[in-house]
Amino acid sequence: MKGNFETLTNENRPVIVDFHAVWCGPCKTQAPILKQIADELGEQVRIIKIDVDQNQPLAVKYQIQSVPTLMIFKNGEIVHKQAGVHTKAQLLTILQPFR
């Protein structure tokens, strides 16, 4: 996954990475919000979901200490990282300068 992850996050468009877990209640709240963002922005953004239990090396590399944690990459660089549920409005505001 490591090489593939780096390829996926090294795009000119913003790439939202949702570090989540299947047992996480707030992660279940975040998922439909990310779907709304994907529906609204289409090809302007990519969304990747990473299960921290299935991808522990990535979770360790990016120091994920709680889920959900959203990271936004642009051209392979981290431009945003924050734990907790993000609202649609928050995400649209965060993404604005990177689209």
N, C-alpha and C. Protein backbone atom coordinates (compact mmCIF):
# COMPACT_ATOMS: atom_id res chain seq x y z
N MET A 1 0.83 -1.21 0.00
CA MET A 1 0.00 0.00 0.00
C MET A 1 0.86 1.26 0.00
N LYS A 2 2.06 1.20 0.58
CA LYS A 2 2.86 2.41 0.75
C LYS A 2 3.14 3.11 -0.58
N GLY A 3 3.68 2.38 -1.55
CA GLY A 3 3.98 2.99 -2.84
C GLY A 3 2.73 3.50 -3.52
N ASN A 4 1.68 2.73 -3.48
CA ASN A 4 0.41 3.13 -4.08
C ASN A 4 -0.14 4.37 -3.39
N PHE A 5 -0.05 4.43 -2.06
CA PHE A 5 -0.54 5.58 -1.31
C PHE A 5 0.20 6.84 -1.75
N GLU A 6 1.51 6.76 -1.87
CA GLU A 6 2.28 7.92 -2.27
C GLU A 6 1.93 8.37 -3.68
N THR A 7 1.66 7.43 -4.56
CA THR A 7 1.24 7.78 -5.92
C THR A 7 -0.12 8.47 -5.90
N LEU A 8 -1.04 7.93 -5.13
CA LEU A 8 -2.40 8.49 -5.07
C LEU A 8 -2.42 9.90 -4.47
N THR A 9 -1.56 10.15 -3.50
CA THR A 9 -1.57 11.46 -2.83
C THR A 9 -0.71 12.50 -3.55
N ASN A 10 -0.01 12.09 -4.59
CA ASN A 10 0.85 13.01 -5.32
C ASN A 10 0.14 13.51 -6.58
N GLU A 11 -1.01 14.13 -6.38
CA GLU A 11 -1.80 14.66 -7.49
C GLU A 11 -1.89 16.17 -7.38
N ASN A 12 -2.20 16.80 -8.50
CA ASN A 12 -2.35 18.25 -8.53
C ASN A 12 -3.65 18.70 -7.86
N ARG A 13 -4.64 17.81 -7.83
CA ARG A 13 -5.88 18.14 -7.14
C ARG A 13 -5.76 17.75 -5.66
N PRO A 14 -6.59 18.32 -4.78
CA PRO A 14 -6.55 17.92 -3.37
C PRO A 14 -6.98 16.46 -3.20
N VAL A 15 -6.28 15.77 -2.34
CA VAL A 15 -6.59 14.38 -2.02
C VAL A 15 -6.91 14.33 -0.53
N ILE A 16 -8.17 14.01 -0.21
CA ILE A 16 -8.58 13.87 1.19
C ILE A 16 -8.35 12.43 1.60
N VAL A 17 -7.60 12.23 2.67
CA VAL A 17 -7.38 10.90 3.19
C VAL A 17 -8.12 10.80 4.52
N ASP A 18 -9.06 9.87 4.55
CA ASP A 18 -9.88 9.64 5.76
C ASP A 18 -9.31 8.43 6.50
N PHE A 19 -8.56 8.69 7.56
CA PHE A 19 -8.08 7.61 8.42
C PHE A 19 -9.21 7.27 9.37
N HIS A 20 -9.71 6.04 9.27
CA HIS A 20 -10.91 5.64 10.02
C HIS A 20 -10.76 4.22 10.52
N ALA A 21 -11.77 3.76 11.25
CA ALA A 21 -11.84 2.36 11.70
C ALA A 21 -13.30 1.93 11.64
N VAL A 22 -13.53 0.65 11.36
CA VAL A 22 -14.90 0.16 11.23
C VAL A 22 -15.68 0.24 12.54
N TRP A 23 -15.00 0.19 13.67
CA TRP A 23 -15.66 0.22 14.97
C TRP A 23 -15.91 1.64 15.48
N CYS A 24 -15.50 2.65 14.73
CA CYS A 24 -15.52 4.04 15.18
C CYS A 24 -16.85 4.72 14.86
N GLY A 25 -17.58 5.13 15.87
CA GLY A 25 -18.85 5.81 15.68
C GLY A 25 -18.74 7.14 14.93
N PRO A 26 -17.84 8.05 15.36
CA PRO A 26 -17.69 9.30 14.63
C PRO A 26 -17.28 9.09 13.16
N CYS A 27 -16.56 8.02 12.88
CA CYS A 27 -16.17 7.73 11.49
C CYS A 27 -17.41 7.47 10.64
N LYS A 28 -18.41 6.84 11.25
CA LYS A 28 -19.66 6.57 10.54
C LYS A 28 -20.41 7.89 10.25
N THR A 29 -20.21 8.89 11.09
CA THR A 29 -20.80 10.21 10.86
C THR A 29 -20.05 10.94 9.74
N GLN A 30 -18.73 10.76 9.68
CA GLN A 30 -17.91 11.44 8.68
C GLN A 30 -18.15 10.91 7.27
N ALA A 31 -18.39 9.62 7.14
CA ALA A 31 -18.49 8.98 5.82
C ALA A 31 -19.51 9.63 4.89
N PRO A 32 -20.77 9.87 5.32
CA PRO A 32 -21.71 10.49 4.39
C PRO A 32 -21.36 11.93 4.03
N ILE A 33 -20.66 12.62 4.92
CA ILE A 33 -20.22 13.99 4.62
C ILE A 33 -19.18 13.95 3.50
N LEU A 34 -18.27 13.00 3.56
CA LEU A 34 -17.28 12.86 2.49
C LEU A 34 -17.95 12.48 1.17
N LYS A 35 -18.99 11.69 1.24
CA LYS A 35 -19.75 11.32 0.03
C LYS A 35 -20.36 12.58 -0.59
N GLN A 36 -20.92 13.46 0.26
CA GLN A 36 -21.49 14.72 -0.24
C GLN A 36 -20.42 15.58 -0.92
N ILE A 37 -19.23 15.63 -0.32
CA ILE A 37 -18.12 16.39 -0.91
C ILE A 37 -17.76 15.80 -2.28
N ALA A 38 -17.66 14.48 -2.34
CA ALA A 38 -17.33 13.81 -3.60
C ALA A 38 -18.39 14.09 -4.65
N ASP A 39 -19.65 14.03 -4.26
CA ASP A 39 -20.74 14.29 -5.21
C ASP A 39 -20.72 15.73 -5.71
N GLU A 40 -20.44 16.67 -4.80
CA GLU A 40 -20.47 18.08 -5.16
C GLU A 40 -19.25 18.51 -5.98
N LEU A 41 -18.06 18.02 -5.61
CA LEU A 41 -16.84 18.48 -6.26
C LEU A 41 -16.37 17.59 -7.40
N GLY A 42 -16.87 16.37 -7.46
CA GLY A 42 -16.52 15.47 -8.55
C GLY A 42 -15.03 15.28 -8.71
N GLU A 43 -14.54 15.52 -9.93
CA GLU A 43 -13.13 15.29 -10.26
C GLU A 43 -12.18 16.33 -9.67
N GLN A 44 -12.72 17.35 -9.01
CA GLN A 44 -11.85 18.38 -8.42
C GLN A 44 -11.12 17.87 -7.18
N VAL A 45 -11.57 16.73 -6.64
CA VAL A 45 -11.00 16.20 -5.41
C VAL A 45 -11.01 14.67 -5.48
N ARG A 46 -10.05 14.05 -4.81
CA ARG A 46 -10.04 12.59 -4.66
C ARG A 46 -10.18 12.31 -3.18
N ILE A 47 -10.94 11.26 -2.84
CA ILE A 47 -11.10 10.86 -1.45
C ILE A 47 -10.63 9.42 -1.31
N ILE A 48 -9.75 9.21 -0.35
CA ILE A 48 -9.20 7.88 -0.07
C ILE A 48 -9.54 7.54 1.38
N LYS A 49 -10.06 6.34 1.59
CA LYS A 49 -10.37 5.89 2.95
C LYS A 49 -9.31 4.86 3.36
N ILE A 50 -8.70 5.09 4.52
CA ILE A 50 -7.66 4.20 5.04
C ILE A 50 -8.12 3.66 6.40
N ASP A 51 -8.33 2.36 6.47
CA ASP A 51 -8.68 1.71 7.73
C ASP A 51 -7.39 1.56 8.55
N VAL A 52 -7.32 2.21 9.69
CA VAL A 52 -6.09 2.21 10.49
C VAL A 52 -5.74 0.82 11.01
N ASP A 53 -6.74 -0.02 11.22
CA ASP A 53 -6.47 -1.38 11.70
C ASP A 53 -5.87 -2.25 10.60
N GLN A 54 -6.23 -1.99 9.36
CA GLN A 54 -5.72 -2.76 8.22
C GLN A 54 -4.42 -2.16 7.65
N ASN A 55 -4.14 -0.92 7.97
CA ASN A 55 -2.97 -0.22 7.42
C ASN A 55 -2.18 0.47 8.53
N GLN A 56 -1.77 -0.31 9.51
CA GLN A 56 -1.07 0.25 10.67
C GLN A 56 0.22 0.98 10.32
N PRO A 57 1.02 0.50 9.35
CA PRO A 57 2.24 1.25 9.03
C PRO A 57 1.96 2.69 8.56
N LEU A 58 0.91 2.88 7.79
CA LEU A 58 0.55 4.25 7.36
C LEU A 58 0.08 5.08 8.54
N ALA A 59 -0.73 4.47 9.42
CA ALA A 59 -1.21 5.18 10.60
C ALA A 59 -0.05 5.62 11.48
N VAL A 60 0.94 4.77 11.61
CA VAL A 60 2.12 5.11 12.41
C VAL A 60 2.93 6.20 11.72
N LYS A 61 3.14 6.05 10.42
CA LYS A 61 3.94 7.03 9.67
C LYS A 61 3.36 8.43 9.80
N TYR A 62 2.04 8.54 9.73
CA TYR A 62 1.40 9.86 9.79
C TYR A 62 0.90 10.22 11.18
N GLN A 63 1.34 9.46 12.18
CA GLN A 63 1.05 9.73 13.59
C GLN A 63 -0.44 9.93 13.85
N ILE A 64 -1.24 8.98 13.35
CA ILE A 64 -2.68 9.02 13.58
C ILE A 64 -2.95 8.47 14.97
N GLN A 65 -3.45 9.34 15.86
CA GLN A 65 -3.67 8.95 17.24
C GLN A 65 -5.14 8.81 17.59
N SER A 66 -6.01 9.34 16.73
CA SER A 66 -7.44 9.17 16.95
C SER A 66 -8.13 9.16 15.59
N VAL A 67 -9.28 8.52 15.56
CA VAL A 67 -10.06 8.44 14.32
C VAL A 67 -11.45 9.03 14.57
N PRO A 68 -12.01 9.68 13.57
CA PRO A 68 -11.42 9.92 12.26
C PRO A 68 -10.38 11.04 12.30
N THR A 69 -9.38 10.90 11.46
CA THR A 69 -8.44 11.98 11.19
C THR A 69 -8.45 12.19 9.69
N LEU A 70 -8.64 13.43 9.27
CA LEU A 70 -8.60 13.76 7.86
C LEU A 70 -7.30 14.48 7.56
N MET A 71 -6.66 14.04 6.49
CA MET A 71 -5.48 14.72 5.98
C MET A 71 -5.78 15.11 4.54
N ILE A 72 -5.30 16.26 4.14
CA ILE A 72 -5.46 16.69 2.75
C ILE A 72 -4.05 16.87 2.18
N PHE A 73 -3.83 16.19 1.06
CA PHE A 73 -2.56 16.27 0.35
C PHE A 73 -2.77 17.05 -0.94
N LYS A 74 -1.76 17.77 -1.36
CA LYS A 74 -1.75 18.42 -2.67
C LYS A 74 -0.33 18.29 -3.19
N ASN A 75 -0.18 17.67 -4.35
CA ASN A 75 1.15 17.43 -4.94
C ASN A 75 2.07 16.69 -3.97
N GLY A 76 1.51 15.75 -3.22
CA GLY A 76 2.30 14.94 -2.30
C GLY A 76 2.61 15.58 -0.97
N GLU A 77 2.21 16.83 -0.78
CA GLU A 77 2.48 17.55 0.46
C GLU A 77 1.22 17.59 1.33
N ILE A 78 1.41 17.46 2.64
CA ILE A 78 0.28 17.58 3.57
C ILE A 78 -0.05 19.06 3.72
N VAL A 79 -1.30 19.42 3.40
CA VAL A 79 -1.72 20.82 3.55
C VAL A 79 -2.74 21.00 4.68
N HIS A 80 -3.23 19.86 5.22
CA HIS A 80 -4.18 19.93 6.33
C HIS A 80 -4.18 18.58 7.04
N LYS A 81 -4.24 18.63 8.36
CA LYS A 81 -4.40 17.41 9.16
C LYS A 81 -5.15 17.79 10.42
N GLN A 82 -6.26 17.08 10.65
CA GLN A 82 -7.05 17.37 11.85
C GLN A 82 -7.88 16.14 12.21
N ALA A 83 -7.90 15.83 13.49
CA ALA A 83 -8.73 14.74 13.99
C ALA A 83 -10.14 15.26 14.26
N GLY A 84 -11.09 14.35 14.23
CA GLY A 84 -12.48 14.70 14.53
C GLY A 84 -13.31 14.81 13.27
N VAL A 85 -14.61 14.89 13.47
CA VAL A 85 -15.54 14.97 12.36
C VAL A 85 -15.52 16.38 11.79
N HIS A 86 -15.41 16.47 10.48
CA HIS A 86 -15.46 17.74 9.76
C HIS A 86 -16.85 17.87 9.13
N THR A 87 -17.46 19.03 9.24
CA THR A 87 -18.73 19.26 8.55
C THR A 87 -18.45 19.52 7.07
N LYS A 88 -19.50 19.45 6.28
CA LYS A 88 -19.37 19.74 4.85
C LYS A 88 -18.86 21.17 4.66
N ALA A 89 -19.42 22.12 5.38
CA ALA A 89 -19.02 23.52 5.26
C ALA A 89 -17.54 23.70 5.63
N GLN A 90 -17.10 23.05 6.68
CA GLN A 90 -15.70 23.14 7.08
C GLN A 90 -14.79 22.62 5.97
N LEU A 91 -15.15 21.47 5.42
CA LEU A 91 -14.32 20.87 4.37
C LEU A 91 -14.27 21.74 3.12
N LEU A 92 -15.40 22.29 2.73
CA LEU A 92 -15.42 23.16 1.56
C LEU A 92 -14.54 24.38 1.77
N THR A 93 -14.56 24.93 2.98
CA THR A 93 -13.72 26.09 3.31
C THR A 93 -12.24 25.71 3.28
N ILE A 94 -11.91 24.57 3.88
CA ILE A 94 -10.52 24.12 3.91
C ILE A 94 -10.00 23.85 2.49
N LEU A 95 -10.84 23.26 1.65
CA LEU A 95 -10.44 22.89 0.29
C LEU A 95 -10.33 24.07 -0.66
N GLN A 96 -11.02 25.16 -0.39
CA GLN A 96 -11.13 26.28 -1.32
C GLN A 96 -9.78 26.74 -1.89
N PRO A 97 -8.76 26.99 -1.07
CA PRO A 97 -7.52 27.50 -1.66
C PRO A 97 -6.74 26.46 -2.49
N PHE A 98 -7.10 25.20 -2.39
CA PHE A 98 -6.34 24.14 -3.04
C PHE A 98 -6.99 23.62 -4.32
N ARG A 99 -8.17 24.13 -4.67
CA ARG A 99 -8.85 23.64 -5.87
C ARG A 99 -8.46 24.43 -7.08
